[in-house]
PDB file of N, CA and C in Angstrom:
ATOM      1  N   UNK A   1       8.500 -18.463  10.063  1.00  0.00           N
ATOM      2  CA  UNK A   1       7.517 -17.407   9.933  1.00  0.00           C
ATOM      3  C   UNK A   1       8.143 -16.103  10.393  1.00  0.00           C
ATOM      4  N   UNK A   2       7.350 -15.121  10.741  1.00  0.00           N
ATOM      5  CA  UNK A   2       7.848 -13.808  11.143  1.00  0.00           C
ATOM      6  C   UNK A   2       8.319 -13.855  12.591  1.00  0.00           C
ATOM      7  N   UNK A   3       9.512 -13.297  12.835  1.00  0.00           N
ATOM      8  CA  UNK A   3      10.084 -13.363  14.179  1.00  0.00           C
ATOM      9  C   UNK A   3      10.370 -11.999  14.785  1.00  0.00           C
ATOM     10  N   UNK A   4       9.866 -10.931  14.187  1.00  0.00           N
ATOM     11  CA  UNK A   4      10.055  -9.582  14.718  1.00  0.00           C
ATOM     12  C   UNK A   4      10.436  -8.619  13.614  1.00  0.00           C
ATOM     13  N   UNK A   5      10.401  -7.347  13.943  1.00  0.00           N
ATOM     14  CA  UNK A   5      10.771  -6.330  12.967  1.00  0.00           C
ATOM     15  C   UNK A   5      12.290  -6.285  12.867  1.00  0.00           C
ATOM     16  N   UNK A   6      12.787  -6.409  11.638  1.00  0.00           N
ATOM     17  CA  UNK A   6      14.227  -6.429  11.401  1.00  0.00           C
ATOM     18  C   UNK A   6      14.755  -5.071  10.995  1.00  0.00           C
ATOM     19  N   UNK A   7      13.960  -4.293  10.255  1.00  0.00           N
ATOM     20  CA  UNK A   7      14.484  -3.065   9.685  1.00  0.00           C
ATOM     21  C   UNK A   7      13.351  -2.159   9.237  1.00  0.00           C
ATOM     22  N   UNK A   8      13.625  -0.871   9.246  1.00  0.00           N
ATOM     23  CA  UNK A   8      12.740   0.116   8.645  1.00  0.00           C
ATOM     24  C   UNK A   8      13.583   0.877   7.631  1.00  0.00           C
ATOM     25  N   UNK A   9      13.133   0.886   6.382  1.00  0.00           N
ATOM     26  CA  UNK A   9      13.896   1.520   5.308  1.00  0.00           C
ATOM     27  C   UNK A   9      13.116   2.720   4.783  1.00  0.00           C
ATOM     28  N   UNK A  10      13.782   3.860   4.769  1.00  0.00           N
ATOM     29  CA  UNK A  10      13.210   5.078   4.214  1.00  0.00           C
ATOM     30  C   UNK A  10      13.758   5.294   2.811  1.00  0.00           C
ATOM     31  N   UNK A  11      12.903   5.689   1.867  1.00  0.00           N
ATOM     32  CA  UNK A  11      13.415   6.096   0.566  1.00  0.00           C
ATOM     33  C   UNK A  11      14.174   7.416   0.728  1.00  0.00           C
ATOM     34  N   UNK A  12      15.162   7.631  -0.119  1.00  0.00           N
ATOM     35  CA  UNK A  12      15.956   8.856  -0.057  1.00  0.00           C
ATOM     36  C   UNK A  12      16.159   9.419  -1.455  1.00  0.00           C
ATOM     37  N   UNK A  13      15.795  10.675  -1.636  1.00  0.00           N
ATOM     38  CA  UNK A  13      16.048  11.329  -2.916  1.00  0.00           C
ATOM     39  C   UNK A  13      17.347  12.135  -2.876  1.00  0.00           C
ATOM     40  N   UNK A  14      17.907  12.337  -1.685  1.00  0.00           N
ATOM     41  CA  UNK A  14      19.185  13.027  -1.514  1.00  0.00           C
ATOM     42  C   UNK A  14      19.915  12.339  -0.365  1.00  0.00           C
ATOM     43  N   UNK A  15      20.683  11.323  -0.707  1.00  0.00           N
ATOM     44  CA  UNK A  15      21.296  10.459   0.309  1.00  0.00           C
ATOM     45  C   UNK A  15      22.221  11.233   1.246  1.00  0.00           C
ATOM     46  N   UNK A  16      23.018  12.151   0.728  1.00  0.00           N
ATOM     47  CA  UNK A  16      23.941  12.908   1.580  1.00  0.00           C
ATOM     48  C   UNK A  16      23.182  13.756   2.597  1.00  0.00           C
ATOM     49  N   UNK A  17      22.154  14.453   2.138  1.00  0.00           N
ATOM     50  CA  UNK A  17      21.362  15.301   3.040  1.00  0.00           C
ATOM     51  C   UNK A  17      20.617  14.457   4.059  1.00  0.00           C
ATOM     52  N   UNK A  18      19.995  13.371   3.605  1.00  0.00           N
ATOM     53  CA  UNK A  18      19.254  12.509   4.521  1.00  0.00           C
ATOM     54  C   UNK A  18      20.178  11.837   5.527  1.00  0.00           C
ATOM     55  N   UNK A  19      21.353  11.416   5.081  1.00  0.00           N
ATOM     56  CA  UNK A  19      22.320  10.804   6.001  1.00  0.00           C
ATOM     57  C   UNK A  19      22.718  11.793   7.082  1.00  0.00           C
ATOM     58  N   UNK A  20      23.032  13.029   6.688  1.00  0.00           N
ATOM     59  CA  UNK A  20      23.423  14.055   7.661  1.00  0.00           C
ATOM     60  C   UNK A  20      22.295  14.322   8.656  1.00  0.00           C
ATOM     61  N   UNK A  21      21.050  14.390   8.154  1.00  0.00           N
ATOM     62  CA  UNK A  21      19.914  14.626   9.044  1.00  0.00           C
ATOM     63  C   UNK A  21      19.788  13.512  10.077  1.00  0.00           C
ATOM     64  N   UNK A  22      19.755  12.253   9.597  1.00  0.00           N
ATOM     65  CA  UNK A  22      19.532  11.142  10.511  1.00  0.00           C
ATOM     66  C   UNK A  22      20.722  10.915  11.435  1.00  0.00           C
ATOM     67  N   UNK A  23      21.901  11.218  10.963  1.00  0.00           N
ATOM     68  CA  UNK A  23      23.081  11.123  11.830  1.00  0.00           C
ATOM     69  C   UNK A  23      22.939  12.108  12.992  1.00  0.00           C
ATOM     70  N   UNK A  24      22.493  13.332  12.689  1.00  0.00           N
ATOM     71  CA  UNK A  24      22.277  14.325  13.746  1.00  0.00           C
ATOM     72  C   UNK A  24      21.104  13.927  14.646  1.00  0.00           C
ATOM     73  N   UNK A  25      20.021  13.452  14.035  1.00  0.00           N
ATOM     74  CA  UNK A  25      18.834  13.086  14.814  1.00  0.00           C
ATOM     75  C   UNK A  25      19.099  11.911  15.750  1.00  0.00           C
ATOM     76  N   UNK A  26      19.858  10.932  15.254  1.00  0.00           N
ATOM     77  CA  UNK A  26      20.126   9.733  16.049  1.00  0.00           C
ATOM     78  C   UNK A  26      21.352   9.867  16.943  1.00  0.00           C
ATOM     79  N   UNK A  27      22.230  10.794  16.590  1.00  0.00           N
ATOM     80  CA  UNK A  27      23.446  10.995  17.379  1.00  0.00           C
ATOM     81  C   UNK A  27      24.483   9.906  17.189  1.00  0.00           C
ATOM     82  N   UNK A  28      24.416   9.203  16.060  1.00  0.00           N
ATOM     83  CA  UNK A  28      25.383   8.132  15.778  1.00  0.00           C
ATOM     84  C   UNK A  28      25.796   8.176  14.307  1.00  0.00           C
ATOM     85  N   UNK A  29      26.946   7.600  14.026  1.00  0.00           N
ATOM     86  CA  UNK A  29      27.422   7.453  12.661  1.00  0.00           C
ATOM     87  C   UNK A  29      26.765   6.216  12.034  1.00  0.00           C
ATOM     88  N   UNK A  30      26.567   6.220  10.727  1.00  0.00           N
ATOM     89  CA  UNK A  30      26.067   4.991  10.093  1.00  0.00           C
ATOM     90  C   UNK A  30      27.121   3.887  10.185  1.00  0.00           C
ATOM     91  N   UNK A  31      26.673   2.662  10.340  1.00  0.00           N
ATOM     92  CA  UNK A  31      27.606   1.532  10.354  1.00  0.00           C
ATOM     93  C   UNK A  31      27.933   1.104   8.924  1.00  0.00           C
ATOM     94  N   UNK A  32      27.064   1.489   7.984  1.00  0.00           N
ATOM     95  CA  UNK A  32      27.247   1.134   6.575  1.00  0.00           C
ATOM     96  C   UNK A  32      26.893   2.368   5.762  1.00  0.00           C
ATOM     97  N   UNK A  33      27.832   2.840   4.944  1.00  0.00           N
ATOM     98  CA  UNK A  33      27.629   4.084   4.206  1.00  0.00           C
ATOM     99  C   UNK A  33      28.166   3.928   2.793  1.00  0.00           C
ATOM    100  N   UNK A  34      27.260   3.596   1.879  1.00  0.00           N
ATOM    101  CA  UNK A  34      27.618   3.393   0.478  1.00  0.00           C
ATOM    102  C   UNK A  34      26.633   4.169  -0.394  1.00  0.00           C
ATOM    103  N   UNK A  35      26.982   4.417  -1.661  1.00  0.00           N
ATOM    104  CA  UNK A  35      26.071   5.169  -2.530  1.00  0.00           C
ATOM    105  C   UNK A  35      24.726   4.485  -2.759  1.00  0.00           C
ATOM    106  N   UNK A  36      24.633   3.186  -2.503  1.00  0.00           N
ATOM    107  CA  UNK A  36      23.395   2.447  -2.734  1.00  0.00           C
ATOM    108  C   UNK A  36      22.598   2.174  -1.471  1.00  0.00           C
ATOM    109  N   UNK A  37      23.157   2.511  -0.278  1.00  0.00           N
ATOM    110  CA  UNK A  37      22.447   2.251   0.972  1.00  0.00           C
ATOM    111  C   UNK A  37      23.242   2.821   2.132  1.00  0.00           C
ATOM    112  N   UNK A  38      22.541   3.423   3.088  1.00  0.00           N
ATOM    113  CA  UNK A  38      23.152   3.880   4.332  1.00  0.00           C
ATOM    114  C   UNK A  38      22.366   3.245   5.467  1.00  0.00           C
ATOM    115  N   UNK A  39      23.077   2.573   6.378  1.00  0.00           N
ATOM    116  CA  UNK A  39      22.410   1.879   7.474  1.00  0.00           C
ATOM    117  C   UNK A  39      22.905   2.314   8.835  1.00  0.00           C
ATOM    118  N   UNK A  40      21.975   2.436   9.765  1.00  0.00           N
ATOM    119  CA  UNK A  40      22.266   2.755  11.160  1.00  0.00           C
ATOM    120  C   UNK A  40      21.781   1.590  12.014  1.00  0.00           C
ATOM    121  N   UNK A  41      22.517   1.258  13.072  1.00  0.00           N
ATOM    122  CA  UNK A  41      22.089   0.254  14.050  1.00  0.00           C
ATOM    123  C   UNK A  41      21.682   0.976  15.317  1.00  0.00           C
ATOM    124  N   UNK A  42      20.458   0.744  15.773  1.00  0.00           N
ATOM    125  CA  UNK A  42      19.926   1.392  16.964  1.00  0.00           C
ATOM    126  C   UNK A  42      19.371   0.315  17.874  1.00  0.00           C
ATOM    127  N   UNK A  43      20.108  -0.004  18.914  1.00  0.00           N
ATOM    128  CA  UNK A  43      19.670  -1.015  19.878  1.00  0.00           C
ATOM    129  C   UNK A  43      19.202  -2.299  19.208  1.00  0.00           C
ATOM    130  N   UNK A  44      19.984  -2.795  18.255  1.00  0.00           N
ATOM    131  CA  UNK A  44      19.671  -4.053  17.587  1.00  0.00           C
ATOM    132  C   UNK A  44      18.696  -3.928  16.429  1.00  0.00           C
ATOM    133  N   UNK A  45      18.210  -2.738  16.180  1.00  0.00           N
ATOM    134  CA  UNK A  45      17.298  -2.500  15.062  1.00  0.00           C
ATOM    135  C   UNK A  45      18.048  -1.786  13.948  1.00  0.00           C
ATOM    136  N   UNK A  46      17.683  -2.076  12.724  1.00  0.00           N
ATOM    137  CA  UNK A  46      18.284  -1.425  11.568  1.00  0.00           C
ATOM    138  C   UNK A  46      17.377  -0.318  11.074  1.00  0.00           C
ATOM    139  N   UNK A  47      17.969   0.832  10.807  1.00  0.00           N
ATOM    140  CA  UNK A  47      17.285   1.925  10.145  1.00  0.00           C
ATOM    141  C   UNK A  47      18.100   2.256   8.907  1.00  0.00           C
ATOM    142  N   UNK A  48      17.459   2.251   7.731  1.00  0.00           N
ATOM    143  CA  UNK A  48      18.213   2.448   6.504  1.00  0.00           C
ATOM    144  C   UNK A  48      17.642   3.506   5.596  1.00  0.00           C
ATOM    145  N   UNK A  49      18.528   3.998   4.731  1.00  0.00           N
ATOM    146  CA  UNK A  49      18.164   4.957   3.691  1.00  0.00           C
ATOM    147  C   UNK A  49      18.478   4.319   2.350  1.00  0.00           C
ATOM    148  N   UNK A  50      17.492   4.301   1.453  1.00  0.00           N
ATOM    149  CA  UNK A  50      17.637   3.626   0.166  1.00  0.00           C
ATOM    150  C   UNK A  50      17.376   4.608  -0.975  1.00  0.00           C
ATOM    151  N   UNK A  51      18.428   4.997  -1.721  1.00  0.00           N
ATOM    152  CA  UNK A  51      18.222   5.931  -2.824  1.00  0.00           C
ATOM    153  C   UNK A  51      17.526   5.303  -4.038  1.00  0.00           C
ATOM    154  N   UNK A  52      17.439   3.987  -4.092  1.00  0.00           N
ATOM    155  CA  UNK A  52      16.802   3.303  -5.216  1.00  0.00           C
ATOM    156  C   UNK A  52      15.350   2.928  -4.932  1.00  0.00           C
ATOM    157  N   UNK A  53      14.844   3.281  -3.768  1.00  0.00           N
ATOM    158  CA  UNK A  53      13.500   2.860  -3.363  1.00  0.00           C
ATOM    159  C   UNK A  53      12.412   3.356  -4.304  1.00  0.00           C
ATOM    160  N   UNK A  54      12.510   4.595  -4.734  1.00  0.00           N
ATOM    161  CA  UNK A  54      11.460   5.138  -5.610  1.00  0.00           C
ATOM    162  C   UNK A  54      11.364   4.344  -6.905  1.00  0.00           C
ATOM    163  N   UNK A  55      12.498   3.910  -7.439  1.00  0.00           N
ATOM    164  CA  UNK A  55      12.504   3.106  -8.655  1.00  0.00           C
ATOM    165  C   UNK A  55      11.875   1.742  -8.459  1.00  0.00           C
ATOM    166  N   UNK A  56      11.800   1.305  -7.206  1.00  0.00           N
ATOM    167  CA  UNK A  56      11.176   0.028  -6.876  1.00  0.00           C
ATOM    168  C   UNK A  56       9.715   0.221  -6.463  1.00  0.00           C
ATOM    169  N   UNK A  57       9.212   1.443  -6.578  1.00  0.00           N
ATOM    170  CA  UNK A  57       7.825   1.718  -6.210  1.00  0.00           C
ATOM    171  C   UNK A  57       7.621   1.920  -4.725  1.00  0.00           C
ATOM    172  N   UNK A  58       8.680   2.191  -3.985  1.00  0.00           N
ATOM    173  CA  UNK A  58       8.585   2.387  -2.541  1.00  0.00           C
ATOM    174  C   UNK A  58       8.730   3.877  -2.249  1.00  0.00           C
ATOM    175  N   UNK A  59       7.613   4.553  -2.069  1.00  0.00           N
ATOM    176  CA  UNK A  59       7.637   6.000  -1.900  1.00  0.00           C
ATOM    177  C   UNK A  59       7.527   6.440  -0.444  1.00  0.00           C
ATOM    178  N   UNK A  60       7.468   5.507   0.482  1.00  0.00           N
ATOM    179  CA  UNK A  60       7.366   5.823   1.901  1.00  0.00           C
ATOM    180  C   UNK A  60       8.107   4.740   2.677  1.00  0.00           C
ATOM    181  N   UNK A  61       8.376   4.952   3.971  1.00  0.00           N
ATOM    182  CA  UNK A  61       9.118   3.947   4.729  1.00  0.00           C
ATOM    183  C   UNK A  61       8.449   2.578   4.695  1.00  0.00           C
ATOM    184  N   UNK A  62       9.270   1.543   4.658  1.00  0.00           N
ATOM    185  CA  UNK A  62       8.782   0.167   4.630  1.00  0.00           C
ATOM    186  C   UNK A  62       9.358  -0.578   5.835  1.00  0.00           C
ATOM    187  N   UNK A  63       8.485  -1.259   6.557  1.00  0.00           N
ATOM    188  CA  UNK A  63       8.903  -2.104   7.679  1.00  0.00           C
ATOM    189  C   UNK A  63       9.215  -3.488   7.122  1.00  0.00           C
ATOM    190  N   UNK A  64      10.412  -3.983   7.437  1.00  0.00           N
ATOM    191  CA  UNK A  64      10.823  -5.320   7.010  1.00  0.00           C
ATOM    192  C   UNK A  64      10.794  -6.253   8.212  1.00  0.00           C
ATOM    193  N   UNK A  65      10.015  -7.315   8.080  1.00  0.00           N
ATOM    194  CA  UNK A  65       9.897  -8.326   9.125  1.00  0.00           C
ATOM    195  C   UNK A  65      10.977  -9.379   8.931  1.00  0.00           C
ATOM    196  N   UNK A  66      11.561  -9.808  10.022  1.00  0.00           N
ATOM    197  CA  UNK A  66      12.583 -10.839   9.973  1.00  0.00           C
ATOM    198  C   UNK A  66      11.935 -12.203   9.777  1.00  0.00           C
ATOM    199  N   UNK A  67      12.565 -13.024   8.947  1.00  0.00           N
ATOM    200  CA  UNK A  67      12.141 -14.406   8.758  1.00  0.00           C
ATOM    201  C   UNK A  67      13.382 -15.270   8.567  1.00  0.00           C
ATOM    202  N   UNK A  68      13.289 -16.514   8.957  1.00  0.00           N
ATOM    203  CA  UNK A  68      14.412 -17.432   8.762  1.00  0.00           C
ATOM    204  C   UNK A  68      14.294 -18.221   7.465  1.00  0.00           C
ATOM    205  N   UNK A  69      13.147 -18.125   6.795  1.00  0.00           N
ATOM    206  CA  UNK A  69      12.937 -18.830   5.525  1.00  0.00           C
ATOM    207  C   UNK A  69      12.021 -17.983   4.651  1.00  0.00           C
ATOM    208  N   UNK A  70      12.630 -17.114   3.868  1.00  0.00           N
ATOM    209  CA  UNK A  70      11.850 -16.140   3.091  1.00  0.00           C
ATOM    210  C   UNK A  70      10.924 -16.822   2.087  1.00  0.00           C
ATOM    211  N   UNK A  71      11.384 -17.895   1.451  1.00  0.00           N
ATOM    212  CA  UNK A  71      10.554 -18.579   0.447  1.00  0.00           C
ATOM    213  C   UNK A  71       9.311 -19.195   1.094  1.00  0.00           C
ATOM    214  N   UNK A  72       9.495 -19.908   2.191  1.00  0.00           N
ATOM    215  CA  UNK A  72       8.359 -20.538   2.872  1.00  0.00           C
ATOM    216  C   UNK A  72       7.414 -19.494   3.454  1.00  0.00           C
ATOM    217  N   UNK A  73       7.971 -18.397   3.942  1.00  0.00           N
ATOM    218  CA  UNK A  73       7.127 -17.340   4.505  1.00  0.00           C
ATOM    219  C   UNK A  73       6.272 -16.701   3.420  1.00  0.00           C
ATOM    220  N   UNK A  74       6.841 -16.492   2.236  1.00  0.00           N
ATOM    221  CA  UNK A  74       6.067 -15.927   1.132  1.00  0.00           C
ATOM    222  C   UNK A  74       4.924 -16.865   0.742  1.00  0.00           C
ATOM    223  N   UNK A  75       5.190 -18.159   0.688  1.00  0.00           N
ATOM    224  CA  UNK A  75       4.138 -19.129   0.364  1.00  0.00           C
ATOM    225  C   UNK A  75       3.024 -19.048   1.405  1.00  0.00           C
ATOM    226  N   UNK A  76       3.395 -19.039   2.672  1.00  0.00           N
ATOM    227  CA  UNK A  76       2.411 -18.994   3.754  1.00  0.00           C
ATOM    228  C   UNK A  76       1.599 -17.705   3.733  1.00  0.00           C
ATOM    229  N   UNK A  77       2.280 -16.569   3.558  1.00  0.00           N
ATOM    230  CA  UNK A  77       1.575 -15.288   3.546  1.00  0.00           C
ATOM    231  C   UNK A  77       0.706 -15.136   2.300  1.00  0.00           C
ATOM    232  N   UNK A  78       1.169 -15.675   1.174  1.00  0.00           N
ATOM    233  CA  UNK A  78       0.360 -15.648  -0.052  1.00  0.00           C
ATOM    234  C   UNK A  78      -0.920 -16.447   0.140  1.00  0.00           C
ATOM    235  N   UNK A  79      -0.814 -17.572   0.814  1.00  0.00           N
ATOM    236  CA  UNK A  79      -2.001 -18.391   1.089  1.00  0.00           C
ATOM    237  C   UNK A  79      -2.986 -17.651   1.994  1.00  0.00           C
ATOM    238  N   UNK A  80      -2.456 -16.740   2.812  1.00  0.00           N
ATOM    239  CA  UNK A  80      -3.312 -15.962   3.715  1.00  0.00           C
ATOM    240  C   UNK A  80      -3.872 -14.710   3.040  1.00  0.00           C
ATOM    241  N   UNK A  81      -3.471 -14.445   1.796  1.00  0.00           N
ATOM    242  CA  UNK A  81      -4.025 -13.313   1.069  1.00  0.00           C
ATOM    243  C   UNK A  81      -3.036 -12.230   0.664  1.00  0.00           C
ATOM    244  N   UNK A  82      -1.755 -12.390   1.001  1.00  0.00           N
ATOM    245  CA  UNK A  82      -0.753 -11.398   0.592  1.00  0.00           C
ATOM    246  C   UNK A  82      -0.438 -11.556  -0.891  1.00  0.00           C
ATOM    247  N   UNK A  83       0.003 -10.444  -1.490  1.00  0.00           N
ATOM    248  CA  UNK A  83       0.440 -10.454  -2.890  1.00  0.00           C
ATOM    249  C   UNK A  83       1.896 -10.017  -2.948  1.00  0.00           C
ATOM    250  N   UNK A  84       2.674 -10.668  -3.783  1.00  0.00           N
ATOM    251  CA  UNK A  84       4.084 -10.302  -3.938  1.00  0.00           C
ATOM    252  C   UNK A  84       4.170  -8.981  -4.679  1.00  0.00           C
ATOM    253  N   UNK A  85       4.908  -8.049  -4.104  1.00  0.00           N
ATOM    254  CA  UNK A  85       5.151  -6.751  -4.737  1.00  0.00           C
ATOM    255  C   UNK A  85       6.528  -6.748  -5.406  1.00  0.00           C
ATOM    256  N   UNK A  86       7.511  -7.300  -4.733  1.00  0.00           N
ATOM    257  CA  UNK A  86       8.872  -7.396  -5.256  1.00  0.00           C
ATOM    258  C   UNK A  86       9.449  -8.753  -4.904  1.00  0.00           C
ATOM    259  N   UNK A  87       9.868  -9.493  -5.908  1.00  0.00           N
ATOM    260  CA  UNK A  87      10.394 -10.848  -5.704  1.00  0.00           C
ATOM    261  C   UNK A  87      11.615 -10.840  -4.771  1.00  0.00           C
ATOM    262  N   UNK A  88      11.864 -11.933  -4.067  1.00  0.00           N
ATOM    263  CA  UNK A  88      13.053 -12.011  -3.220  1.00  0.00           C
ATOM    264  C   UNK A  88      14.316 -11.763  -4.044  1.00  0.00           C
ATOM    265  N   UNK A  89      15.233 -10.995  -3.450  1.00  0.00           N
ATOM    266  CA  UNK A  89      16.492 -10.710  -4.131  1.00  0.00           C
ATOM    267  C   UNK A  89      17.602 -10.567  -3.100  1.00  0.00           C
ATOM    268  N   UNK A  90      18.785 -10.938  -3.510  1.00  0.00           N
ATOM    269  CA  UNK A  90      19.967 -10.795  -2.663  1.00  0.00           C
ATOM    270  C   UNK A  90      20.455  -9.362  -2.808  1.00  0.00           C
ATOM    271  N   UNK A  91      20.500  -8.625  -1.702  1.00  0.00           N
ATOM    272  CA  UNK A  91      20.932  -7.234  -1.743  1.00  0.00           C
ATOM    273  C   UNK A  91      22.384  -7.078  -1.294  1.00  0.00           C
ATOM    274  N   UNK A  92      23.073  -8.194  -1.154  1.00  0.00           N
ATOM    275  CA  UNK A  92      24.483  -8.171  -0.782  1.00  0.00           C
ATOM    276  C   UNK A  92      24.750  -8.982   0.457  1.00  0.00           C
ATOM    277  N   UNK A  93      25.860  -9.680   0.433  1.00  0.00           N
ATOM    278  CA  UNK A  93      26.314 -10.483   1.566  1.00  0.00           C
ATOM    279  C   UNK A  93      25.275 -11.508   1.999  1.00  0.00           C
ATOM    280  N   UNK A  94      24.463 -11.970   1.048  1.00  0.00           N
ATOM    281  CA  UNK A  94      23.493 -13.011   1.335  1.00  0.00           C
ATOM    282  C   UNK A  94      22.216 -12.552   2.004  1.00  0.00           C
ATOM    283  N   UNK A  95      22.051 -11.242   2.200  1.00  0.00           N
ATOM    284  CA  UNK A  95      20.820 -10.715   2.787  1.00  0.00           C
ATOM    285  C   UNK A  95      19.739 -10.712   1.707  1.00  0.00           C
ATOM    286  N   UNK A  96      18.627 -11.361   2.002  1.00  0.00           N
ATOM    287  CA  UNK A  96      17.508 -11.460   1.065  1.00  0.00           C
ATOM    288  C   UNK A  96      16.379 -10.527   1.500  1.00  0.00           C
ATOM    289  N   UNK A  97      15.830  -9.781   0.530  1.00  0.00           N
ATOM    290  CA  UNK A  97      14.680  -8.911   0.775  1.00  0.00           C
ATOM    291  C   UNK A  97      13.585  -9.230  -0.223  1.00  0.00           C
ATOM    292  N   UNK A  98      12.358  -9.044   0.190  1.00  0.00           N
ATOM    293  CA  UNK A  98      11.192  -9.129  -0.686  1.00  0.00           C
ATOM    294  C   UNK A  98      10.155  -8.162  -0.142  1.00  0.00           C
ATOM    295  N   UNK A  99       9.281  -7.670  -1.020  1.00  0.00           N
ATOM    296  CA  UNK A  99       8.172  -6.842  -0.553  1.00  0.00           C
ATOM    297  C   UNK A  99       6.862  -7.493  -0.967  1.00  0.00           C
ATOM    298  N   UNK A 100       5.880  -7.340  -0.094  1.00  0.00           N
ATOM    299  CA  UNK A 100       4.554  -7.898  -0.319  1.00  0.00           C
ATOM    300  C   UNK A 100       3.516  -6.849   0.025  1.00  0.00           C
ATOM    301  N   UNK A 101       2.281  -7.138  -0.328  1.00  0.00           N
ATOM    302  CA  UNK A 101       1.143  -6.310   0.075  1.00  0.00           C
ATOM    303  C   UNK A 101       0.171  -7.198   0.836  1.00  0.00           C
ATOM    304  N   UNK A 102      -0.311  -6.685   1.957  1.00  0.00           N
ATOM    305  CA  UNK A 102      -1.255  -7.473   2.745  1.00  0.00           C
ATOM    306  C   UNK A 102      -2.628  -7.454   2.077  1.00  0.00           C
ATOM    307  N   UNK A 103      -3.604  -8.053   2.717  1.00  0.00           N
ATOM    308  CA  UNK A 103      -4.937  -8.182   2.137  1.00  0.00           C
ATOM    309  C   UNK A 103      -5.586  -6.831   1.834  1.00  0.00           C
ATOM    310  N   UNK A 104      -5.168  -5.771   2.538  1.00  0.00           N
ATOM    311  CA  UNK A 104      -5.699  -4.427   2.300  1.00  0.00           C
ATOM    312  C   UNK A 104      -4.834  -3.609   1.351  1.00  0.00           C
ATOM    313  N   UNK A 105      -3.749  -4.206   0.858  1.00  0.00           N
ATOM    314  CA  UNK A 105      -2.872  -3.506  -0.079  1.00  0.00           C
ATOM    315  C   UNK A 105      -1.719  -2.764   0.559  1.00  0.00           C
ATOM    316  N   UNK A 106      -1.558  -2.888   1.881  1.00  0.00           N
ATOM    317  CA  UNK A 106      -0.459  -2.214   2.570  1.00  0.00           C
ATOM    318  C   UNK A 106       0.862  -2.912   2.278  1.00  0.00           C
ATOM    319  N   UNK A 107       1.883  -2.122   2.006  1.00  0.00           N
ATOM    320  CA  UNK A 107       3.201  -2.635   1.662  1.00  0.00           C
ATOM    321  C   UNK A 107       3.989  -2.992   2.918  1.00  0.00           C
ATOM    322  N   UNK A 108       4.657  -4.142   2.900  1.00  0.00           N
ATOM    323  CA  UNK A 108       5.579  -4.531   3.965  1.00  0.00           C
ATOM    324  C   UNK A 108       6.657  -5.402   3.347  1.00  0.00           C
ATOM    325  N   UNK A 109       7.728  -5.593   4.089  1.00  0.00           N
ATOM    326  CA  UNK A 109       8.829  -6.366   3.551  1.00  0.00           C
ATOM    327  C   UNK A 109       9.211  -7.540   4.422  1.00  0.00           C
ATOM    328  N   UNK A 110       9.987  -8.431   3.820  1.00  0.00           N
ATOM    329  CA  UNK A 110      10.579  -9.572   4.525  1.00  0.00           C
ATOM    330  C   UNK A 110      12.091  -9.474   4.373  1.00  0.00           C
ATOM    331  N   UNK A 111      12.808  -9.847   5.411  1.00  0.00           N
ATOM    332  CA  UNK A 111      14.265  -9.835   5.420  1.00  0.00           C
ATOM    333  C   UNK A 111      14.779 -11.133   6.012  1.00  0.00           C
ATOM    334  N   UNK A 112      15.683 -11.766   5.288  1.00  0.00           N
ATOM    335  CA  UNK A 112      16.345 -12.987   5.778  1.00  0.00           C
ATOM    336  C   UNK A 112      17.849 -12.763   5.705  1.00  0.00           C
ATOM    337  N   UNK A 113      18.515 -12.954   6.836  1.00  0.00           N
ATOM    338  CA  UNK A 113      19.975 -12.836   6.887  1.00  0.00           C
ATOM    339  C   UNK A 113      20.600 -14.196   6.596  1.00  0.00           C
ATOM    340  N   UNK A 114      21.829 -14.208   6.071  1.00  0.00           N
ATOM    341  CA  UNK A 114      22.440 -15.497   5.694  1.00  0.00           C
ATOM    342  C   UNK A 114      22.745 -16.395   6.894  1.00  0.00           C
ATOM    343  N   UNK A 115      22.792 -15.834   8.079  1.00  0.00           N
ATOM    344  CA  UNK A 115      23.081 -16.636   9.265  1.00  0.00           C
ATOM    345  C   UNK A 115      21.834 -17.263   9.861  1.00  0.00           C
ATOM    346  N   UNK A 116      20.663 -16.986   9.279  1.00  0.00           N
ATOM    347  CA  UNK A 116      19.394 -17.509   9.814  1.00  0.00           C
ATOM    348  C   UNK A 116      19.216 -18.970   9.445  1.00  0.00           C
TER     349      UNK A 116
END
C-alpha cells in the first residue's frame, strides 16, 4: 500500500528557466538533469520538473505516493473509489509511475522504484 510521499513533480513550460529558479531557491544542483526531466533530492525527498506534464493533462504539481506494488495498490485504491488517470508506465531505470483521481476527482500519483 502507500508508504509515504515519494516525490512532488511540477509541470514545466520552460525547463531551463524553471531549473535555474529552483536551483537558486533550493541552493543545490539537480542530481538528474535531462531534457525530459530535472530532479532534485532534498533530505530524501524528490522534487522534479517535467516538461511533458501538460501533454499528460498535469497542469499543476502532483504528489506521488510511494508504493512497493503499484499494480496491487491501483486495484485496492480503485476498489475504494479512485479512478485511473494515467496507466502505470516505466519512466526509466525501472521506475514506475501512474496517476489516479480520488473520490473527489483530485489528482495524485503512485511511484514504485525497482528496488522495492
